[in-house]
Amino acid sequence: MTETSCTPPPEVPVLCYPNSGSSLIAWVLHALGVNMGSSLKQGQRINPKGLFEDESFSNILGKIWFRLQCTAENREGRPG
């Protein structure tokens, strides 16, 4: 017996350090059919195919990193 549902599948957030491959992981999941969100970030010069990251989740994550003062420099042990 097959069940059908009107509710969309849950969105899957990818939580990584900035610039650590989160777009690649999100792209692979998206290519496999995983729901990555409804408002994906558009492509940019450095990443023209898109970031496969939900805009609202990315904004929340940016605020968290800012509050933790987590930058690429201090996550590698250098002063930020």
C-alpha atoms as a PDB file:
ATOM      1  CA  MET A   1       0.000   0.000   0.000  1.00  0.00           C
ATOM      2  CA  THR A   2       1.386   3.394  -0.999  1.00  0.00           C
ATOM      3  CA  GLU A   3       0.715   6.462   1.118  1.00  0.00           C
ATOM      4  CA  THR A   4       0.406   9.872  -0.473  1.00  0.00           C
ATOM      5  CA  SER A   5       0.768  13.142   1.364  1.00  0.00           C
ATOM      6  CA  CYS A   6       0.007  16.755   0.537  1.00  0.00           C
ATOM      7  CA  THR A   7       2.761  18.029   2.783  1.00  0.00           C
ATOM      8  CA  PRO A   8       6.112  18.784   1.154  1.00  0.00           C
ATOM      9  CA  PRO A   9       9.148  16.830   2.298  1.00  0.00           C
ATOM     10  CA  PRO A  10      11.145  18.481   5.084  1.00  0.00           C
ATOM     11  CA  GLU A  11      13.933  20.846   4.153  1.00  0.00           C
ATOM     12  CA  VAL A  12      17.443  19.631   4.953  1.00  0.00           C
ATOM     13  CA  PRO A  13      19.838  22.302   6.213  1.00  0.00           C
ATOM     14  CA  VAL A  14      23.576  21.916   5.637  1.00  0.00           C
ATOM     15  CA  LEU A  15      25.490  23.432   8.526  1.00  0.00           C
ATOM     16  CA  CYS A  16      29.213  24.002   7.916  1.00  0.00           C
ATOM     17  CA  TYR A  17      31.902  26.555   8.563  1.00  0.00           C
ATOM     18  CA  PRO A  18      31.848  29.347   5.976  1.00  0.00           C
ATOM     19  CA  ASN A  19      33.755  28.480   2.768  1.00  0.00           C
ATOM     20  CA  SER A  20      34.192  24.841   3.726  1.00  0.00           C
ATOM     21  CA  GLY A  21      32.305  23.056   0.948  1.00  0.00           C
ATOM     22  CA  SER A  22      28.708  23.509   2.096  1.00  0.00           C
ATOM     23  CA  SER A  23      27.586  24.455  -1.435  1.00  0.00           C
ATOM     24  CA  LEU A  24      29.073  21.252  -2.849  1.00  0.00           C
ATOM     25  CA  ILE A  25      27.384  19.128  -0.183  1.00  0.00           C
ATOM     26  CA  ALA A  26      24.077  20.942  -0.724  1.00  0.00           C
ATOM     27  CA  TRP A  27      24.373  20.526  -4.522  1.00  0.00           C
ATOM     28  CA  VAL A  28      24.936  16.763  -4.192  1.00  0.00           C
ATOM     29  CA  LEU A  29      21.932  16.434  -1.872  1.00  0.00           C
ATOM     30  CA  HIS A  30      19.825  18.549  -4.258  1.00  0.00           C
ATOM     31  CA  ALA A  31      20.925  16.389  -7.226  1.00  0.00           C
ATOM     32  CA  LEU A  32      19.819  13.312  -5.255  1.00  0.00           C
ATOM     33  CA  GLY A  33      16.347  14.835  -4.866  1.00  0.00           C
ATOM     34  CA  VAL A  34      16.603  16.138  -1.297  1.00  0.00           C
ATOM     35  CA  ASN A  35      14.513  19.253  -0.577  1.00  0.00           C
ATOM     36  CA  MET A  36      17.036  22.018   0.081  1.00  0.00           C
ATOM     37  CA  GLY A  37      14.480  24.788   0.595  1.00  0.00           C
ATOM     38  CA  SER A  38      12.146  26.976  -1.405  1.00  0.00           C
ATOM     39  CA  SER A  39      14.226  30.155  -1.757  1.00  0.00           C
ATOM     40  CA  LEU A  40      17.671  29.022  -2.866  1.00  0.00           C
ATOM     41  CA  LYS A  41      20.443  31.590  -3.256  1.00  0.00           C
ATOM     42  CA  GLN A  42      21.139  32.585  -6.839  1.00  0.00           C
ATOM     43  CA  GLY A  43      24.444  31.994  -8.561  1.00  0.00           C
ATOM     44  CA  GLN A  44      27.261  34.488  -8.230  1.00  0.00           C
ATOM     45  CA  ARG A  45      30.415  35.158 -10.228  1.00  0.00           C
ATOM     46  CA  ILE A  46      32.443  32.742  -8.114  1.00  0.00           C
ATOM     47  CA  ASN A  47      29.673  30.103  -8.045  1.00  0.00           C
ATOM     48  CA  PRO A  48      27.539  30.610 -11.202  1.00  0.00           C
ATOM     49  CA  LYS A  49      25.343  27.499 -10.844  1.00  0.00           C
ATOM     50  CA  GLY A  50      23.981  28.677  -7.498  1.00  0.00           C
ATOM     51  CA  LEU A  51      24.705  27.959  -3.891  1.00  0.00           C
ATOM     52  CA  PHE A  52      21.846  25.499  -3.192  1.00  0.00           C
ATOM     53  CA  GLU A  53      21.424  27.176   0.187  1.00  0.00           C
ATOM     54  CA  ASP A  54      18.074  28.448   1.426  1.00  0.00           C
ATOM     55  CA  GLU A  55      18.226  32.244   1.770  1.00  0.00           C
ATOM     56  CA  SER A  56      16.375  32.440   5.097  1.00  0.00           C
ATOM     57  CA  PHE A  57      18.411  29.649   6.710  1.00  0.00           C
ATOM     58  CA  SER A  58      21.610  31.236   5.417  1.00  0.00           C
ATOM     59  CA  ASN A  59      20.635  34.579   6.971  1.00  0.00           C
ATOM     60  CA  ILE A  60      20.032  32.927  10.354  1.00  0.00           C
ATOM     61  CA  LEU A  61      23.344  31.089  10.116  1.00  0.00           C
ATOM     62  CA  GLY A  62      25.132  34.355   9.244  1.00  0.00           C
ATOM     63  CA  LYS A  63      23.751  35.957  12.395  1.00  0.00           C
ATOM     64  CA  ILE A  64      24.914  33.002  14.474  1.00  0.00           C
ATOM     65  CA  TRP A  65      28.453  33.184  13.029  1.00  0.00           C
ATOM     66  CA  PHE A  66      28.511  36.932  13.627  1.00  0.00           C
ATOM     67  CA  ARG A  67      27.427  36.491  17.243  1.00  0.00           C
ATOM     68  CA  LEU A  68      30.081  33.858  17.801  1.00  0.00           C
ATOM     69  CA  GLN A  69      32.614  36.036  15.991  1.00  0.00           C
ATOM     70  CA  CYS A  70      33.521  33.026  13.919  1.00  0.00           C
ATOM     71  CA  THR A  71      35.540  34.005  10.856  1.00  0.00           C
ATOM     72  CA  ALA A  72      37.768  32.051   8.536  1.00  0.00           C
ATOM     73  CA  GLU A  73      40.786  33.481  10.365  1.00  0.00           C
ATOM     74  CA  ASN A  74      39.913  32.567  13.934  1.00  0.00           C
ATOM     75  CA  ARG A  75      38.511  29.106  13.131  1.00  0.00           C
ATOM     76  CA  GLU A  76      42.013  28.196  11.993  1.00  0.00           C
ATOM     77  CA  GLY A  77      43.501  29.322  15.293  1.00  0.00           C
ATOM     78  CA  ARG A  78      44.572  32.796  14.185  1.00  0.00           C
ATOM     79  CA  PRO A  79      43.276  35.906  15.927  1.00  0.00           C
ATOM     80  CA  GLY A  80      40.180  37.379  14.231  1.00  0.00           C
END
